[in-house]
Amino acid sequence: MLLQVKTPQEVTPKYVSNIEASQLLACGLTPINVHMIETWLASHGHGLKKAVPKGNKEIEEAKRCISWLHVHGFDVTAPRAQLEHLLSQLSPVPVGSIT
């Protein structure tokens, strides 16, 4: 069980900000659900706990997000470089382009 609370009132932005997106996905939430939670947290000055993607599914989701931003005209130079750096640290073999 992810949430260790006794009442709904204990589910505060501060409490939820200690949870990683990976934990939410592992509990069956979709990336859209995670986005909605992150948006709610941001409206309260918080965010989900930062962590590197765990597993291929999350890495693929990060690649999809970068591609989505790219096709809509956003500059994805920094996120692309960050993901490539992360993947190079996780993988002993050279990582190709993530586009």
N, C-alpha and C. Protein backbone atom coordinates (compact mmCIF):
# COMPACT_ATOMS: atom_id res chain seq x y z
N MET A 1 0.85 -1.19 0.00
CA MET A 1 0.00 0.00 0.00
C MET A 1 0.88 1.23 0.00
N LEU A 2 0.61 2.15 -0.91
CA LEU A 2 1.44 3.33 -1.08
C LEU A 2 1.17 4.39 -0.03
N LEU A 3 -0.08 4.71 0.19
CA LEU A 3 -0.43 5.74 1.17
C LEU A 3 -0.66 5.11 2.53
N GLN A 4 0.02 5.62 3.51
CA GLN A 4 -0.10 5.10 4.87
C GLN A 4 -0.84 6.14 5.71
N VAL A 5 -2.09 6.38 5.37
CA VAL A 5 -2.89 7.38 6.07
C VAL A 5 -4.16 6.73 6.62
N LYS A 6 -4.72 7.40 7.62
CA LYS A 6 -5.94 6.89 8.24
C LYS A 6 -7.18 7.62 7.76
N THR A 7 -7.00 8.89 7.34
CA THR A 7 -8.15 9.68 6.88
C THR A 7 -7.77 10.42 5.59
N PRO A 8 -8.76 10.75 4.78
CA PRO A 8 -8.48 11.51 3.55
C PRO A 8 -7.84 12.88 3.83
N GLN A 9 -8.10 13.46 4.99
CA GLN A 9 -7.53 14.76 5.33
C GLN A 9 -6.00 14.71 5.46
N GLU A 10 -5.46 13.53 5.66
CA GLU A 10 -4.00 13.38 5.77
C GLU A 10 -3.31 13.41 4.40
N VAL A 11 -4.07 13.28 3.34
CA VAL A 11 -3.51 13.30 1.99
C VAL A 11 -3.37 14.77 1.56
N THR A 12 -2.27 15.36 1.98
CA THR A 12 -1.99 16.76 1.71
C THR A 12 -0.95 16.88 0.60
N PRO A 13 -0.84 18.05 -0.03
CA PRO A 13 0.22 18.22 -1.04
C PRO A 13 1.61 17.90 -0.48
N LYS A 14 1.87 18.31 0.75
CA LYS A 14 3.18 18.02 1.34
C LYS A 14 3.41 16.52 1.46
N TYR A 15 2.38 15.79 1.87
CA TYR A 15 2.49 14.33 2.01
C TYR A 15 2.73 13.68 0.65
N VAL A 16 1.92 14.05 -0.34
CA VAL A 16 2.01 13.44 -1.67
C VAL A 16 3.33 13.79 -2.35
N SER A 17 3.92 14.94 -2.01
CA SER A 17 5.18 15.34 -2.64
C SER A 17 6.35 14.44 -2.25
N ASN A 18 6.15 13.54 -1.32
CA ASN A 18 7.18 12.58 -0.94
C ASN A 18 7.08 11.27 -1.71
N ILE A 19 6.21 11.24 -2.70
CA ILE A 19 6.00 10.04 -3.51
C ILE A 19 6.63 10.25 -4.88
N GLU A 20 7.27 9.21 -5.42
CA GLU A 20 7.86 9.27 -6.76
C GLU A 20 6.83 8.85 -7.80
N ALA A 21 6.97 9.38 -9.01
CA ALA A 21 6.09 8.98 -10.10
C ALA A 21 6.15 7.47 -10.32
N SER A 22 7.34 6.89 -10.17
CA SER A 22 7.51 5.44 -10.34
C SER A 22 6.61 4.66 -9.40
N GLN A 23 6.48 5.16 -8.18
CA GLN A 23 5.62 4.48 -7.21
C GLN A 23 4.17 4.52 -7.64
N LEU A 24 3.75 5.66 -8.17
CA LEU A 24 2.36 5.79 -8.63
C LEU A 24 2.09 4.87 -9.82
N LEU A 25 3.04 4.84 -10.76
CA LEU A 25 2.89 3.97 -11.92
C LEU A 25 2.86 2.50 -11.50
N ALA A 26 3.68 2.14 -10.53
CA ALA A 26 3.72 0.75 -10.04
C ALA A 26 2.41 0.34 -9.38
N CYS A 27 1.65 1.32 -8.89
CA CYS A 27 0.36 1.03 -8.27
C CYS A 27 -0.78 0.99 -9.29
N GLY A 28 -0.44 1.17 -10.56
CA GLY A 28 -1.46 1.06 -11.60
C GLY A 28 -1.97 2.38 -12.16
N LEU A 29 -1.45 3.50 -11.67
CA LEU A 29 -1.87 4.77 -12.24
C LEU A 29 -1.25 4.94 -13.62
N THR A 30 -1.91 5.68 -14.47
CA THR A 30 -1.40 5.92 -15.82
C THR A 30 -0.54 7.19 -15.82
N PRO A 31 0.26 7.39 -16.87
CA PRO A 31 1.01 8.65 -16.97
C PRO A 31 0.09 9.88 -16.91
N ILE A 32 -1.12 9.76 -17.44
CA ILE A 32 -2.07 10.89 -17.38
C ILE A 32 -2.46 11.15 -15.92
N ASN A 33 -2.70 10.09 -15.15
CA ASN A 33 -3.01 10.25 -13.72
C ASN A 33 -1.86 10.93 -13.00
N VAL A 34 -0.63 10.51 -13.31
CA VAL A 34 0.55 11.11 -12.68
C VAL A 34 0.63 12.59 -13.04
N HIS A 35 0.35 12.92 -14.29
CA HIS A 35 0.33 14.33 -14.72
C HIS A 35 -0.69 15.13 -13.91
N MET A 36 -1.87 14.56 -13.72
CA MET A 36 -2.92 15.27 -12.97
C MET A 36 -2.49 15.51 -11.53
N ILE A 37 -1.84 14.53 -10.93
CA ILE A 37 -1.34 14.70 -9.56
C ILE A 37 -0.25 15.75 -9.52
N GLU A 38 0.66 15.72 -10.49
CA GLU A 38 1.74 16.72 -10.54
C GLU A 38 1.16 18.12 -10.73
N THR A 39 0.14 18.27 -11.54
CA THR A 39 -0.52 19.56 -11.75
C THR A 39 -1.16 20.05 -10.45
N TRP A 40 -1.84 19.15 -9.75
CA TRP A 40 -2.45 19.50 -8.46
C TRP A 40 -1.37 19.93 -7.48
N LEU A 41 -0.27 19.17 -7.42
CA LEU A 41 0.81 19.52 -6.51
C LEU A 41 1.41 20.89 -6.86
N ALA A 42 1.62 21.15 -8.15
CA ALA A 42 2.19 22.43 -8.58
C ALA A 42 1.30 23.59 -8.18
N SER A 43 -0.01 23.39 -8.21
CA SER A 43 -0.93 24.46 -7.81
C SER A 43 -0.82 24.79 -6.32
N HIS A 44 -0.16 23.89 -5.58
CA HIS A 44 0.06 24.09 -4.14
C HIS A 44 1.54 24.32 -3.82
N GLY A 45 2.34 24.58 -4.85
CA GLY A 45 3.76 24.86 -4.64
C GLY A 45 4.63 23.64 -4.37
N HIS A 46 4.15 22.48 -4.78
CA HIS A 46 4.89 21.23 -4.56
C HIS A 46 5.03 20.48 -5.87
N GLY A 47 5.69 19.34 -5.81
CA GLY A 47 5.82 18.44 -6.95
C GLY A 47 6.14 17.05 -6.43
N LEU A 48 6.00 16.08 -7.30
CA LEU A 48 6.36 14.72 -6.91
C LEU A 48 7.86 14.65 -6.63
N LYS A 49 8.25 13.69 -5.82
CA LYS A 49 9.66 13.49 -5.49
C LYS A 49 10.42 13.14 -6.77
N LYS A 50 11.53 13.82 -7.01
CA LYS A 50 12.32 13.61 -8.21
C LYS A 50 13.11 12.31 -8.11
N ALA A 51 13.15 11.56 -9.21
CA ALA A 51 13.91 10.31 -9.27
C ALA A 51 14.14 9.95 -10.73
N VAL A 52 15.20 9.23 -11.00
CA VAL A 52 15.48 8.80 -12.37
C VAL A 52 14.42 7.80 -12.80
N PRO A 53 14.15 7.72 -14.11
CA PRO A 53 13.18 6.72 -14.58
C PRO A 53 13.62 5.32 -14.17
N LYS A 54 12.66 4.53 -13.77
CA LYS A 54 12.95 3.15 -13.35
C LYS A 54 12.38 2.19 -14.39
N GLY A 55 13.23 1.61 -15.17
CA GLY A 55 12.79 0.61 -16.14
C GLY A 55 12.51 1.18 -17.52
N ASN A 56 12.40 0.27 -18.47
CA ASN A 56 12.21 0.65 -19.87
C ASN A 56 10.91 1.40 -20.12
N LYS A 57 9.86 1.03 -19.42
CA LYS A 57 8.55 1.68 -19.63
C LYS A 57 8.65 3.18 -19.33
N GLU A 58 9.30 3.54 -18.24
CA GLU A 58 9.42 4.95 -17.88
C GLU A 58 10.39 5.69 -18.81
N ILE A 59 11.44 5.01 -19.25
CA ILE A 59 12.36 5.63 -20.21
C ILE A 59 11.64 5.89 -21.52
N GLU A 60 10.84 4.94 -21.97
CA GLU A 60 10.06 5.13 -23.21
C GLU A 60 9.07 6.28 -23.05
N GLU A 61 8.47 6.40 -21.89
CA GLU A 61 7.53 7.50 -21.64
C GLU A 61 8.26 8.84 -21.72
N ALA A 62 9.47 8.92 -21.16
CA ALA A 62 10.27 10.15 -21.23
C ALA A 62 10.59 10.48 -22.68
N LYS A 63 10.94 9.47 -23.47
CA LYS A 63 11.23 9.69 -24.89
C LYS A 63 9.98 10.20 -25.62
N ARG A 64 8.83 9.62 -25.30
CA ARG A 64 7.57 10.07 -25.93
C ARG A 64 7.28 11.53 -25.60
N CYS A 65 7.51 11.90 -24.35
CA CYS A 65 7.27 13.29 -23.94
C CYS A 65 8.18 14.25 -24.68
N ILE A 66 9.44 13.89 -24.80
CA ILE A 66 10.38 14.74 -25.54
C ILE A 66 9.96 14.86 -26.99
N SER A 67 9.58 13.75 -27.60
CA SER A 67 9.13 13.79 -29.00
C SER A 67 7.88 14.64 -29.17
N TRP A 68 6.95 14.51 -28.24
CA TRP A 68 5.70 15.29 -28.29
C TRP A 68 6.01 16.78 -28.25
N LEU A 69 6.88 17.18 -27.35
CA LEU A 69 7.27 18.60 -27.27
C LEU A 69 7.95 19.04 -28.55
N HIS A 70 8.83 18.19 -29.07
CA HIS A 70 9.58 18.53 -30.29
C HIS A 70 8.64 18.78 -31.48
N VAL A 71 7.67 17.91 -31.68
CA VAL A 71 6.77 18.07 -32.83
C VAL A 71 5.85 19.27 -32.69
N HIS A 72 5.77 19.83 -31.48
CA HIS A 72 4.97 21.03 -31.27
C HIS A 72 5.82 22.29 -31.19
N GLY A 73 7.07 22.18 -31.62
CA GLY A 73 7.91 23.36 -31.75
C GLY A 73 8.70 23.77 -30.52
N PHE A 74 8.71 22.96 -29.49
CA PHE A 74 9.47 23.29 -28.29
C PHE A 74 10.94 22.95 -28.49
N ASP A 75 11.81 23.71 -27.84
CA ASP A 75 13.23 23.40 -27.85
C ASP A 75 13.47 22.27 -26.84
N VAL A 76 13.85 21.12 -27.34
CA VAL A 76 14.04 19.96 -26.47
C VAL A 76 15.52 19.61 -26.32
N THR A 77 16.38 20.55 -26.64
CA THR A 77 17.82 20.29 -26.56
C THR A 77 18.22 19.85 -25.16
N ALA A 78 17.81 20.59 -24.14
CA ALA A 78 18.21 20.27 -22.76
C ALA A 78 17.61 18.95 -22.27
N PRO A 79 16.29 18.72 -22.41
CA PRO A 79 15.77 17.44 -21.92
C PRO A 79 16.35 16.24 -22.69
N ARG A 80 16.56 16.40 -23.99
CA ARG A 80 17.14 15.32 -24.78
C ARG A 80 18.56 15.01 -24.27
N ALA A 81 19.36 16.05 -24.04
CA ALA A 81 20.73 15.86 -23.55
C ALA A 81 20.72 15.23 -22.15
N GLN A 82 19.79 15.66 -21.30
CA GLN A 82 19.72 15.09 -19.96
C GLN A 82 19.36 13.60 -20.00
N LEU A 83 18.41 13.25 -20.86
CA LEU A 83 18.02 11.84 -20.96
C LEU A 83 19.16 11.02 -21.53
N GLU A 84 19.83 11.52 -22.57
CA GLU A 84 20.95 10.78 -23.15
C GLU A 84 22.07 10.60 -22.11
N HIS A 85 22.33 11.63 -21.31
CA HIS A 85 23.34 11.52 -20.26
C HIS A 85 22.92 10.46 -19.24
N LEU A 86 21.68 10.50 -18.82
CA LEU A 86 21.17 9.53 -17.86
C LEU A 86 21.31 8.12 -18.42
N LEU A 87 20.90 7.92 -19.66
CA LEU A 87 20.97 6.59 -20.26
C LEU A 87 22.41 6.12 -20.40
N SER A 88 23.32 7.03 -20.68
CA SER A 88 24.73 6.64 -20.79
C SER A 88 25.28 6.20 -19.44
N GLN A 89 24.73 6.74 -18.36
CA GLN A 89 25.15 6.34 -17.01
C GLN A 89 24.56 5.00 -16.61
N LEU A 90 23.39 4.69 -17.13
CA LEU A 90 22.70 3.44 -16.78
C LEU A 90 23.14 2.26 -17.63
N SER A 91 23.59 2.53 -18.85
CA SER A 91 23.87 1.48 -19.81
C SER A 91 25.36 1.39 -20.12
N PRO A 92 25.93 0.19 -20.08
CA PRO A 92 27.35 0.05 -20.41
C PRO A 92 27.62 0.15 -21.90
N VAL A 93 26.57 0.08 -22.74
CA VAL A 93 26.75 0.19 -24.18
C VAL A 93 26.37 1.58 -24.63
N PRO A 94 26.97 2.08 -25.72
CA PRO A 94 26.64 3.42 -26.21
C PRO A 94 25.15 3.53 -26.54
N VAL A 95 24.61 4.67 -26.23
CA VAL A 95 23.19 4.93 -26.46
C VAL A 95 23.04 5.76 -27.72
N GLY A 96 22.14 5.35 -28.61
CA GLY A 96 21.91 6.09 -29.83
C GLY A 96 20.99 7.27 -29.59
N SER A 97 20.63 7.93 -30.66
CA SER A 97 19.76 9.09 -30.58
C SER A 97 18.40 8.69 -30.02
N ILE A 98 17.82 9.57 -29.25
CA ILE A 98 16.52 9.28 -28.64
C ILE A 98 15.36 9.91 -29.39
N THR A 99 15.61 10.45 -30.57
CA THR A 99 14.52 11.08 -31.31
C THR A 99 13.62 10.07 -31.93
